Amino acid sequence: MTRIRFIKLATLAITAAVFFALSLWLEKEASGAVSSLVGMVMVVIVALELGYIRKRKMVTR
């Protein structure tokens, strides 16, 4: 595994953890709609980052 790919995967994991913690906190503090919105944003960001990593992987081959 290259260093750049490892850094991108680490960034992905940190982003997912931060959004998950934020959605849990918002679930306690705010309404359910806000926390579900944060959850959907998290899913979109993770999907975009995974798609970017997969696209870069295909280009390098």
C-alpha atoms as a PDB file:
ATOM      1  CA  MET A   1       0.000   0.000   0.000  1.00  0.00           C
ATOM      2  CA  THR A   2       1.456   3.314  -0.990  1.00  0.00           C
ATOM      3  CA  ARG A   3       1.856   6.104   1.488  1.00  0.00           C
ATOM      4  CA  ILE A   4      -0.569   8.404  -0.324  1.00  0.00           C
ATOM      5  CA  ARG A   5      -3.310   5.759  -0.381  1.00  0.00           C
ATOM      6  CA  PHE A   6      -2.748   5.112   3.328  1.00  0.00           C
ATOM      7  CA  ILE A   7      -3.079   8.837   4.066  1.00  0.00           C
ATOM      8  CA  LYS A   8      -6.312   9.010   2.041  1.00  0.00           C
ATOM      9  CA  LEU A   9      -7.765   5.989   3.836  1.00  0.00           C
ATOM     10  CA  ALA A  10      -6.771   7.472   7.199  1.00  0.00           C
ATOM     11  CA  THR A  11      -8.447  10.750   6.232  1.00  0.00           C
ATOM     12  CA  LEU A  12     -11.551   8.806   5.219  1.00  0.00           C
ATOM     13  CA  ALA A  13     -11.637   7.006   8.567  1.00  0.00           C
ATOM     14  CA  ILE A  14     -11.177  10.233  10.536  1.00  0.00           C
ATOM     15  CA  THR A  15     -13.895  11.975   8.506  1.00  0.00           C
ATOM     16  CA  ALA A  16     -16.324   9.116   9.087  1.00  0.00           C
ATOM     17  CA  ALA A  17     -15.561   9.047  12.826  1.00  0.00           C
ATOM     18  CA  VAL A  18     -16.051  12.807  13.181  1.00  0.00           C
ATOM     19  CA  PHE A  19     -19.360  12.785  11.310  1.00  0.00           C
ATOM     20  CA  PHE A  20     -20.555   9.749  13.277  1.00  0.00           C
ATOM     21  CA  ALA A  21     -19.738  11.455  16.587  1.00  0.00           C
ATOM     22  CA  LEU A  22     -21.390  14.655  15.371  1.00  0.00           C
ATOM     23  CA  SER A  23     -24.545  12.797  14.370  1.00  0.00           C
ATOM     24  CA  LEU A  24     -24.705  11.074  17.771  1.00  0.00           C
ATOM     25  CA  TRP A  25     -24.280  14.411  19.546  1.00  0.00           C
ATOM     26  CA  LEU A  26     -26.913  16.081  17.358  1.00  0.00           C
ATOM     27  CA  GLU A  27     -29.318  13.224  18.005  1.00  0.00           C
ATOM     28  CA  LYS A  28     -29.220  14.119  21.699  1.00  0.00           C
ATOM     29  CA  GLU A  29     -29.233  17.893  21.258  1.00  0.00           C
ATOM     30  CA  ALA A  30     -31.295  18.517  18.132  1.00  0.00           C
ATOM     31  CA  SER A  31     -34.195  16.944  16.346  1.00  0.00           C
ATOM     32  CA  GLY A  32     -33.989  13.645  14.518  1.00  0.00           C
ATOM     33  CA  ALA A  33     -34.217  15.380  11.144  1.00  0.00           C
ATOM     34  CA  VAL A  34     -30.968  17.253  11.720  1.00  0.00           C
ATOM     35  CA  SER A  35     -29.100  14.138  12.809  1.00  0.00           C
ATOM     36  CA  SER A  36     -30.395  12.167   9.832  1.00  0.00           C
ATOM     37  CA  LEU A  37     -29.302  15.008   7.540  1.00  0.00           C
ATOM     38  CA  VAL A  38     -25.793  14.844   9.016  1.00  0.00           C
ATOM     39  CA  GLY A  39     -25.853  11.071   8.510  1.00  0.00           C
ATOM     40  CA  MET A  40     -26.784  11.479   4.848  1.00  0.00           C
ATOM     41  CA  VAL A  41     -23.998  14.040   4.353  1.00  0.00           C
ATOM     42  CA  MET A  42     -21.559  11.575   5.945  1.00  0.00           C
ATOM     43  CA  VAL A  43     -22.647   8.817   3.559  1.00  0.00           C
ATOM     44  CA  VAL A  44     -22.230  11.115   0.543  1.00  0.00           C
ATOM     45  CA  ILE A  45     -18.755  12.239   1.624  1.00  0.00           C
ATOM     46  CA  VAL A  46     -17.605   8.674   2.278  1.00  0.00           C
ATOM     47  CA  ALA A  47     -18.993   7.532  -1.091  1.00  0.00           C
ATOM     48  CA  LEU A  48     -17.236  10.374  -2.909  1.00  0.00           C
ATOM     49  CA  GLU A  49     -13.927   9.654  -1.183  1.00  0.00           C
ATOM     50  CA  LEU A  50     -14.179   5.921  -1.915  1.00  0.00           C
ATOM     51  CA  GLY A  51     -15.039   6.669  -5.540  1.00  0.00           C
ATOM     52  CA  TYR A  52     -12.057   9.000  -5.793  1.00  0.00           C
ATOM     53  CA  ILE A  53      -9.727   6.367  -4.337  1.00  0.00           C
ATOM     54  CA  ARG A  54     -11.113   3.678  -6.664  1.00  0.00           C
ATOM     55  CA  LYS A  55     -10.802   6.002  -9.685  1.00  0.00           C
ATOM     56  CA  ARG A  56      -7.191   6.831  -8.849  1.00  0.00           C
ATOM     57  CA  LYS A  57      -6.452   3.133  -8.371  1.00  0.00           C
ATOM     58  CA  MET A  58      -7.753   2.320 -11.873  1.00  0.00           C
ATOM     59  CA  VAL A  59      -5.777   5.172 -13.444  1.00  0.00           C
ATOM     60  CA  THR A  60      -2.497   4.049 -11.879  1.00  0.00           C
ATOM     61  CA  ARG A  61      -2.891   0.503 -13.254  1.00  0.00           C
END
